[in-house]
Amino acid sequence: MARIFAIILLMMTLLPTVTAAEDFKASFIRDRNVWLYVNDKEIQITDSGKVFGVPKWSHDGKWVLYQQQAPAQDPGMPEQSEIWAYELETGETKKIFYDGHSPKWAPNKNVIAYQDSGILDISDFNRFYNIATGVNSYTWFPDGKGFLLSTSGVLKPDGWSSAILYTKKVNNNYEDIVLFGGVDELFTLPKEVGKEGKSVIAIYTSDFAFSPSNDWISFIVSPTASWSMDSNMLCVISRDGKKFEVLDEIIFGVGAPKWAPSRDTIAYIAGGGRIVFGFKNKDLKVREMPVSNSYTPVNYMELDFDWITDNEIVTSRAEAREWSNDFNKHPLPALYLIEVESNIQEQITQPPKGFGDYAPQYVESINKLVWQRGTSIIDQNRTLWIADTDGSNAKEWLQNVDNIEFYSKN
């Protein structure tokens, strides 16, 4: 009996159970289908094999939003992008719109905004409402009572015009919203924006994110689609539009800029040039308005990162190296923990030979660090690992995981 009891204790120690938090759950992509991890169980939601992007949780954790490709209703188009929502309690799936993109939950209610051919729409699950036109990108206000909108620049005889930022307030009576007008201009970008001798024409904006105080908004300014693969500019603007600043050059192929959990401090991976031009010139920087610091050692580069606390960042770091079409020659990253104020840095994972550690995420609800372990930067069959925030007690958790999002009440 004592031996059996000891074996049970050993199994409990080895299994990566994560049910300590009542609201802990995750949505992820596996083989281009949506899966959930709820109550220590994996649940497959779709079987189309056509899902893309990252499944998104509603503010109350009762719905998951996702997109999937489907045959186009328009004969002139090969495919369309359907927007769906799945309800956990009933198992119901509901098509929100037959062909839209950039869907986003409202931050405080189960309402979905999305774009359709330059028009911003809202769906309350019963019907959709036209909100604004001429929209290239957008984000909800933190209180859910309106939007920050952006139009793109257009090509004119004298060259490209620049993107313009607007705000538009909405109330709960969506039928009263006028499609044309009802907006306030926040800021017109200069025709070119740049930093330290590098610049791009300001045609598009994207990736809007409010700082913890909501006083600042970060966003990315991009030129034409092909040029944006190599060079974009990370910018910040005050919520009243009176202060605008270009922070640095960045690309889309590495981790997106992120604000600290509770302080107006933004971290980002600086450096232009797509990865296929070399694993180099990708430095982790932290900007606490208005002071900036760099944290990447010489001869290294960063692929992705996440904040743990206002003073701790975990980053996926690899040796700098030229690009090679032989993926066996690519550098394989490990995770490093950085104390921002002291700049004390420590390697916290030791991936085995032939593997690297990618896409670190801090999961606040269980106070754990998770990341993907794979054989290369393009590996589509990675394993999800989980550990304490200092890398200790690391355990293999979920197999074959692509994009994953953890539910957070915040």
Protein backbone atom coordinates (compact mmCIF):
# COMPACT_ATOMS: atom_id res chain seq x y z
CA MET A 1 0.00 0.00 0.00
CA ALA A 2 2.82 2.40 0.85
CA ARG A 3 4.44 1.65 -2.52
CA ILE A 4 1.19 2.41 -4.40
CA PHE A 5 0.77 5.66 -2.49
CA ALA A 6 4.34 6.67 -3.37
CA ILE A 7 3.71 5.97 -7.07
CA ILE A 8 0.55 8.11 -7.01
CA LEU A 9 2.48 10.97 -5.40
CA LEU A 10 5.17 10.67 -8.06
CA MET A 11 2.62 10.82 -10.87
CA MET A 12 0.98 13.87 -9.35
CA THR A 13 4.38 15.55 -9.23
CA LEU A 14 5.22 14.79 -12.85
CA LEU A 15 1.91 15.71 -14.48
CA PRO A 16 1.67 19.42 -15.39
CA THR A 17 -1.73 20.07 -13.80
CA VAL A 18 -2.68 23.73 -13.98
CA THR A 19 -6.11 23.86 -12.36
CA ALA A 20 -5.11 26.04 -9.42
CA ALA A 21 -6.90 29.02 -11.00
CA GLU A 22 -10.66 28.67 -11.34
CA ASP A 23 -10.81 30.65 -14.59
CA PHE A 24 -7.75 29.11 -16.23
CA LYS A 25 -8.41 28.17 -19.84
CA ALA A 26 -6.74 28.51 -23.20
CA SER A 27 -7.66 28.47 -26.87
CA PHE A 28 -5.12 27.37 -29.44
CA ILE A 29 -4.58 26.22 -33.02
CA ARG A 30 -3.58 22.65 -33.85
CA ASP A 31 -3.40 21.51 -37.49
CA ARG A 32 -5.35 24.67 -38.43
CA ASN A 33 -8.27 23.79 -36.13
CA VAL A 34 -9.44 25.47 -32.92
CA TRP A 35 -8.87 23.59 -29.68
CA LEU A 36 -9.63 24.56 -26.09
CA TYR A 37 -7.89 23.60 -22.87
CA VAL A 38 -10.51 23.72 -20.10
CA ASN A 39 -10.58 21.81 -16.80
CA ASP A 40 -7.37 19.99 -17.73
CA LYS A 41 -8.99 18.66 -20.91
CA GLU A 42 -8.29 19.30 -24.60
CA ILE A 43 -11.45 19.93 -26.65
CA GLN A 44 -11.50 20.17 -30.45
CA ILE A 45 -13.91 22.85 -31.69
CA THR A 46 -13.48 22.81 -35.49
CA ASP A 47 -12.55 20.17 -38.04
CA SER A 48 -12.32 22.26 -41.22
CA GLY A 49 -8.52 22.54 -41.15
CA LYS A 50 -9.00 26.10 -42.44
CA VAL A 51 -8.66 28.21 -39.29
CA PHE A 52 -6.06 31.00 -39.19
CA GLY A 53 -4.96 33.68 -36.74
CA VAL A 54 -5.33 33.47 -32.97
CA PRO A 55 -8.65 32.45 -31.30
CA LYS A 56 -9.79 35.30 -29.03
CA TRP A 57 -11.64 35.09 -25.69
CA SER A 58 -14.60 37.31 -24.87
CA HIS A 59 -14.24 39.52 -21.80
CA ASP A 60 -16.17 37.03 -19.61
CA GLY A 61 -14.47 33.91 -20.97
CA LYS A 62 -17.75 32.43 -22.24
CA TRP A 63 -17.10 32.75 -25.98
CA VAL A 64 -14.16 32.17 -28.34
CA LEU A 65 -13.85 34.12 -31.59
CA TYR A 66 -12.05 32.68 -34.61
CA GLN A 67 -11.68 33.01 -38.39
CA GLN A 68 -11.62 30.35 -41.04
CA GLN A 69 -11.22 30.26 -44.80
CA ALA A 70 -14.16 29.09 -46.93
CA PRO A 71 -15.03 29.00 -50.66
CA ALA A 72 -15.91 32.49 -51.82
CA GLN A 73 -19.49 33.43 -52.69
CA ASP A 74 -18.05 35.96 -55.14
CA PRO A 75 -16.98 34.10 -58.33
CA GLY A 76 -14.10 36.53 -58.75
CA MET A 77 -12.50 35.56 -55.44
CA PRO A 78 -10.94 32.18 -54.56
CA GLU A 79 -11.73 32.26 -50.82
CA GLN A 80 -13.40 34.33 -48.16
CA SER A 81 -12.76 34.81 -44.45
CA GLU A 82 -15.65 33.71 -42.23
CA ILE A 83 -15.92 35.01 -38.66
CA TRP A 84 -17.29 32.53 -36.08
CA ALA A 85 -17.88 32.44 -32.34
CA TYR A 86 -18.13 29.37 -30.09
CA GLU A 87 -20.01 29.34 -26.77
CA LEU A 88 -18.43 27.13 -24.11
CA GLU A 89 -21.55 26.48 -22.05
CA THR A 90 -23.77 25.26 -24.89
CA GLY A 91 -21.21 24.15 -27.48
CA GLU A 92 -23.00 26.36 -30.02
CA THR A 93 -21.07 27.80 -32.96
CA LYS A 94 -22.43 30.94 -34.58
CA LYS A 95 -21.35 32.54 -37.85
CA ILE A 96 -20.91 36.24 -37.21
CA PHE A 97 -20.16 37.30 -40.79
CA TYR A 98 -19.52 35.50 -44.07
CA ASP A 99 -16.49 37.55 -45.17
CA GLY A 100 -14.72 39.93 -42.81
CA HIS A 101 -11.38 40.47 -41.14
CA SER A 102 -9.71 41.91 -38.04
CA PRO A 103 -12.49 40.87 -35.60
CA LYS A 104 -12.11 42.18 -32.04
CA TRP A 105 -14.23 41.68 -28.92
CA ALA A 106 -15.44 44.74 -27.07
CA PRO A 107 -13.44 45.00 -23.82
CA ASN A 108 -16.53 44.95 -21.58
CA LYS A 109 -19.37 43.17 -23.40
CA ASN A 110 -20.02 40.33 -25.84
CA VAL A 111 -20.06 42.47 -28.96
CA ILE A 112 -17.76 41.95 -31.93
CA ALA A 113 -16.32 44.61 -34.22
CA TYR A 114 -14.84 43.65 -37.58
CA GLN A 115 -13.99 45.12 -40.97
CA ASP A 116 -15.68 44.46 -44.30
CA SER A 117 -14.30 46.15 -47.44
CA GLY A 118 -13.26 49.33 -45.66
CA ILE A 119 -16.38 49.47 -43.44
CA LEU A 120 -16.23 48.93 -39.68
CA ASP A 121 -19.19 46.87 -38.45
CA ILE A 122 -20.47 45.75 -35.05
CA SER A 123 -22.29 42.48 -34.37
CA ASP A 124 -24.35 41.84 -31.24
CA PHE A 125 -24.98 38.20 -32.36
CA ASN A 126 -28.45 39.11 -33.62
CA ARG A 127 -27.56 41.49 -36.45
CA PHE A 128 -24.73 43.71 -37.61
CA TYR A 129 -24.53 47.50 -37.75
CA ASN A 130 -22.40 49.76 -39.98
CA ILE A 131 -20.27 52.02 -37.78
CA ALA A 132 -17.75 53.85 -39.97
CA THR A 133 -16.45 53.82 -43.51
CA GLY A 134 -13.02 54.37 -45.03
CA VAL A 135 -11.43 52.43 -42.15
CA ASN A 136 -8.07 50.76 -42.68
CA SER A 137 -7.42 49.78 -39.05
CA TYR A 138 -9.03 50.31 -35.66
CA THR A 139 -9.19 49.43 -31.99
CA TRP A 140 -11.84 49.71 -29.28
CA PHE A 141 -11.53 52.36 -26.59
CA PRO A 142 -10.64 50.72 -23.24
CA ASP A 143 -14.16 51.50 -21.92
CA GLY A 144 -15.87 50.01 -25.00
CA LYS A 145 -17.61 53.31 -25.79
CA GLY A 146 -16.03 54.01 -29.13
CA PHE A 147 -13.12 53.46 -31.47
CA LEU A 148 -9.79 54.80 -32.54
CA LEU A 149 -9.90 54.66 -36.36
CA SER A 150 -7.32 55.08 -39.09
CA THR A 151 -7.59 55.76 -42.79
CA SER A 152 -4.75 54.82 -45.11
CA GLY A 153 -2.83 57.18 -47.34
CA VAL A 154 -3.70 57.28 -51.04
CA LEU A 155 -1.56 57.77 -54.12
CA LYS A 156 -2.04 61.21 -55.68
CA PRO A 157 -0.32 62.96 -58.59
CA ASP A 158 2.09 64.60 -56.13
CA GLY A 159 2.80 61.35 -54.24
CA TRP A 160 1.33 59.47 -51.32
CA SER A 161 -0.84 61.19 -48.76
CA SER A 162 -0.43 60.05 -45.14
CA ALA A 163 -2.65 58.10 -42.75
CA ILE A 164 -5.07 60.01 -40.51
CA LEU A 165 -6.27 58.98 -37.04
CA TYR A 166 -9.86 59.61 -35.92
CA THR A 167 -11.98 58.85 -32.89
CA LYS A 168 -15.64 57.88 -32.97
CA LYS A 169 -17.87 57.43 -29.93
CA VAL A 170 -20.70 54.88 -29.84
CA ASN A 171 -23.43 54.14 -27.35
CA ASN A 172 -25.43 50.96 -26.89
CA ASN A 173 -28.06 52.02 -29.44
CA TYR A 174 -26.14 51.06 -32.56
CA GLU A 175 -29.09 51.86 -34.85
CA ASP A 176 -28.58 55.57 -34.15
CA ILE A 177 -24.97 55.62 -35.35
CA VAL A 178 -24.38 57.54 -38.59
CA LEU A 179 -22.11 55.79 -41.09
CA PHE A 180 -20.69 58.97 -42.62
CA GLY A 181 -19.37 61.49 -40.13
CA GLY A 182 -19.68 61.52 -36.38
CA VAL A 183 -15.89 61.36 -36.07
CA ASP A 184 -13.25 63.66 -34.60
CA GLU A 185 -9.86 63.96 -36.26
CA LEU A 186 -7.15 63.08 -33.74
CA PHE A 187 -3.94 63.39 -35.76
CA THR A 188 -2.65 63.54 -39.33
CA LEU A 189 0.67 61.78 -39.67
CA PRO A 190 3.56 63.45 -41.49
CA LYS A 191 4.14 62.14 -45.02
CA GLU A 192 7.27 60.43 -43.71
CA VAL A 193 8.13 59.27 -40.20
CA GLY A 194 11.53 58.10 -39.08
CA LYS A 195 14.26 57.83 -36.50
CA GLU A 196 18.05 58.14 -36.65
CA GLY A 197 18.26 58.67 -40.40
CA LYS A 198 15.77 55.93 -41.34
CA SER A 199 12.25 56.73 -42.47
CA VAL A 200 9.15 55.30 -44.16
CA ILE A 201 6.22 56.90 -45.92
CA ALA A 202 3.28 56.89 -43.53
CA ILE A 203 0.63 55.05 -45.57
CA TYR A 204 -0.76 52.53 -43.06
CA THR A 205 -1.12 52.22 -39.29
CA SER A 206 -1.81 49.09 -37.26
CA ASP A 207 -1.40 47.31 -33.90
CA PHE A 208 -2.95 50.06 -31.75
CA ALA A 209 -2.48 49.46 -28.02
CA PHE A 210 -3.35 51.67 -25.06
CA SER A 211 -0.85 52.02 -22.22
CA PRO A 212 -1.94 50.91 -18.71
CA SER A 213 -2.91 54.48 -17.77
CA ASN A 214 -4.68 54.91 -21.16
CA ASP A 215 -2.71 58.16 -21.57
CA TRP A 216 -0.64 56.82 -24.48
CA ILE A 217 -1.36 54.77 -27.59
CA SER A 218 1.32 52.78 -29.38
CA PHE A 219 0.99 51.82 -33.04
CA ILE A 220 3.02 50.81 -36.06
CA VAL A 221 3.37 52.98 -39.16
CA SER A 222 4.01 51.10 -42.41
CA PRO A 223 4.78 51.98 -46.04
CA THR A 224 3.64 49.82 -48.98
CA ALA A 225 2.96 46.13 -48.29
CA SER A 226 6.22 44.86 -49.77
CA TRP A 227 8.35 47.53 -48.10
CA SER A 228 6.70 46.86 -44.71
CA MET A 229 8.38 43.42 -44.64
CA ASP A 230 11.68 45.24 -44.13
CA SER A 231 10.97 48.47 -42.30
CA ASN A 232 8.20 50.02 -40.16
CA MET A 233 8.19 52.61 -37.42
CA LEU A 234 6.90 52.13 -33.89
CA CYS A 235 5.18 55.32 -32.74
CA VAL A 236 3.32 56.59 -29.69
CA ILE A 237 0.73 59.33 -29.40
CA SER A 238 -0.98 60.86 -26.40
CA ARG A 239 -4.68 60.13 -26.13
CA ASP A 240 -5.53 63.78 -26.85
CA GLY A 241 -3.38 63.70 -30.00
CA LYS A 242 -1.14 66.57 -28.87
CA LYS A 243 2.07 64.57 -28.41
CA PHE A 244 3.44 62.28 -31.12
CA GLU A 245 6.80 60.52 -31.20
CA VAL A 246 8.58 57.96 -33.35
CA LEU A 247 10.32 55.42 -31.10
CA ASP A 248 12.22 53.08 -33.41
CA GLU A 249 12.40 50.97 -36.56
CA ILE A 250 10.82 47.49 -36.26
CA ILE A 251 9.52 44.62 -38.42
CA PHE A 252 6.45 42.37 -38.20
CA GLY A 253 8.42 39.10 -38.22
CA VAL A 254 9.30 39.23 -34.51
CA GLY A 255 7.37 39.72 -31.27
CA ALA A 256 4.95 42.66 -31.26
CA PRO A 257 5.52 45.67 -28.98
CA LYS A 258 3.95 45.28 -25.52
CA TRP A 259 3.20 47.67 -22.68
CA ALA A 260 4.25 46.67 -19.16
CA PRO A 261 1.46 45.24 -16.95
CA SER A 262 0.79 48.38 -14.90
CA ARG A 263 3.29 51.06 -15.91
CA ASP A 264 3.54 53.23 -19.03
CA THR A 265 6.65 51.41 -20.19
CA ILE A 266 6.77 49.77 -23.61
CA ALA A 267 9.12 46.99 -24.73
CA TYR A 268 9.82 46.16 -28.36
CA ILE A 269 12.35 44.46 -30.64
CA ALA A 270 14.12 47.14 -32.66
CA GLY A 271 15.77 46.70 -36.03
CA GLY A 272 14.87 46.60 -39.71
CA GLY A 273 15.36 43.89 -42.31
CA ARG A 274 13.32 40.70 -42.62
CA ILE A 275 14.65 37.54 -40.98
CA VAL A 276 15.57 36.00 -44.33
CA PHE A 277 18.22 38.72 -44.61
CA GLY A 278 19.87 37.35 -41.46
CA PHE A 279 19.33 36.53 -37.79
CA LYS A 280 20.74 39.85 -36.64
CA ASN A 281 19.99 43.46 -35.76
CA LYS A 282 17.00 42.60 -33.53
CA ASP A 283 17.52 44.25 -30.14
CA LEU A 284 15.17 44.26 -27.18
CA LYS A 285 14.54 47.80 -25.99
CA VAL A 286 12.44 49.26 -23.19
CA ARG A 287 11.05 52.77 -23.27
CA GLU A 288 9.66 54.35 -20.12
CA MET A 289 8.35 57.68 -21.30
CA PRO A 290 10.69 59.44 -21.96
CA VAL A 291 13.78 57.25 -21.16
CA SER A 292 14.98 54.38 -23.39
CA ASN A 293 17.33 51.43 -22.73
CA SER A 294 18.62 48.48 -24.79
CA TYR A 295 19.07 44.98 -23.34
CA THR A 296 20.39 42.72 -26.12
CA PRO A 297 24.07 41.73 -25.84
CA VAL A 298 26.42 42.09 -28.79
CA ASN A 299 26.27 39.15 -31.25
CA TYR A 300 22.75 38.14 -30.18
CA MET A 301 19.25 38.85 -31.46
CA GLU A 302 15.70 38.57 -30.09
CA LEU A 303 12.74 36.74 -31.64
CA ASP A 304 9.92 37.33 -29.13
CA PHE A 305 9.29 38.36 -25.52
CA ASP A 306 6.71 38.98 -22.82
CA TRP A 307 6.46 40.98 -19.61
CA ILE A 308 6.20 39.07 -16.32
CA THR A 309 6.14 42.09 -14.00
CA ASP A 310 6.86 45.77 -14.53
CA ASN A 311 10.51 44.92 -13.85
CA GLU A 312 10.88 41.49 -15.49
CA ILE A 313 10.89 40.42 -19.13
CA VAL A 314 11.38 36.95 -20.59
CA THR A 315 12.82 36.87 -24.09
CA SER A 316 13.55 34.25 -26.76
CA ARG A 317 17.17 34.97 -27.70
CA ALA A 318 19.52 33.41 -30.24
CA GLU A 319 23.04 34.01 -31.49
CA ALA A 320 23.24 36.46 -34.39
CA ARG A 321 23.91 34.68 -37.66
CA GLU A 322 23.57 35.14 -41.40
CA TRP A 323 20.54 33.61 -43.11
CA SER A 324 20.84 30.14 -44.62
CA ASN A 325 18.39 28.12 -46.68
CA ASP A 326 19.59 25.11 -44.68
CA PHE A 327 17.40 25.27 -41.58
CA ASN A 328 19.85 23.04 -39.72
CA LYS A 329 22.21 26.00 -39.73
CA HIS A 330 19.73 28.43 -38.16
CA PRO A 331 20.44 29.59 -34.60
CA LEU A 332 18.15 28.00 -32.00
CA PRO A 333 16.96 30.31 -29.21
CA ALA A 334 16.71 29.81 -25.46
CA LEU A 335 14.76 31.85 -22.93
CA TYR A 336 16.41 34.57 -20.86
CA LEU A 337 15.02 36.45 -17.86
CA ILE A 338 15.86 40.15 -17.65
CA GLU A 339 15.50 42.45 -14.64
CA VAL A 340 14.84 45.78 -16.33
CA GLU A 341 16.06 48.17 -13.64
CA SER A 342 19.30 46.36 -12.80
CA ASN A 343 19.84 44.79 -16.26
CA ILE A 344 20.65 41.46 -14.60
CA GLN A 345 20.12 38.73 -17.21
CA GLU A 346 20.00 34.96 -16.84
CA GLN A 347 19.39 32.08 -19.24
CA ILE A 348 16.49 30.10 -17.78
CA THR A 349 15.91 27.28 -20.30
CA GLN A 350 18.29 24.70 -21.77
CA PRO A 351 16.61 23.26 -24.88
CA PRO A 352 18.15 19.95 -26.04
CA LYS A 353 20.32 19.81 -29.14
CA GLY A 354 18.31 20.45 -32.29
CA PHE A 355 15.54 22.39 -30.48
CA GLY A 356 14.85 26.01 -29.64
CA ASP A 357 12.48 27.79 -27.26
CA TYR A 358 10.10 30.25 -28.92
CA ALA A 359 7.08 32.49 -28.19
CA PRO A 360 7.29 32.93 -24.39
CA GLN A 361 4.10 33.97 -22.59
CA TYR A 362 3.44 34.82 -18.97
CA VAL A 363 0.09 33.45 -17.73
CA GLU A 364 -0.94 35.65 -14.83
CA SER A 365 -3.90 33.54 -13.67
CA ILE A 366 -1.57 30.66 -12.70
CA ASN A 367 1.68 32.66 -12.34
CA LYS A 368 3.45 30.42 -14.85
CA LEU A 369 5.65 30.84 -17.88
CA VAL A 370 4.79 28.92 -21.07
CA TRP A 371 6.63 28.69 -24.37
CA GLN A 372 6.87 26.63 -27.55
CA ARG A 373 9.76 24.23 -28.15
CA GLY A 374 10.49 23.34 -31.78
CA THR A 375 13.15 22.49 -34.31
CA SER A 376 13.17 25.77 -36.25
CA ILE A 377 11.57 29.17 -36.67
CA ILE A 378 9.06 27.65 -39.14
CA ASP A 379 8.32 24.43 -37.21
CA GLN A 380 4.52 23.93 -37.25
CA ASN A 381 4.53 21.01 -34.79
CA ARG A 382 5.89 22.57 -31.63
CA THR A 383 5.38 21.37 -28.08
CA LEU A 384 4.11 23.72 -25.39
CA TRP A 385 6.13 23.78 -22.16
CA ILE A 386 5.24 25.22 -18.77
CA ALA A 387 7.43 26.29 -15.85
CA ASP A 388 7.76 28.66 -12.94
CA THR A 389 8.64 32.21 -13.98
CA ASP A 390 12.33 31.61 -13.30
CA GLY A 391 12.34 28.55 -15.58
CA SER A 392 12.37 26.02 -12.75
CA ASN A 393 10.10 22.96 -12.68
CA ALA A 394 9.83 22.97 -16.47
CA LYS A 395 7.53 20.30 -17.94
CA GLU A 396 6.26 19.36 -21.35
CA TRP A 397 2.56 20.18 -21.50
CA LEU A 398 0.66 20.16 -24.83
CA GLN A 399 1.65 18.59 -28.14
CA ASN A 400 1.43 20.20 -31.60
CA VAL A 401 0.46 23.75 -30.64
CA ASP A 402 0.52 26.74 -32.95
CA ASN A 403 -0.97 30.08 -31.78
CA ILE A 404 -2.39 30.05 -28.26
CA GLU A 405 -4.26 32.59 -26.12
CA PHE A 406 -4.99 32.31 -22.40
CA TYR A 407 -8.13 33.77 -20.93
CA SER A 408 -7.56 36.72 -18.64
CA LYS A 409 -10.16 38.65 -16.67
CA ASN A 410 -8.12 41.78 -17.30
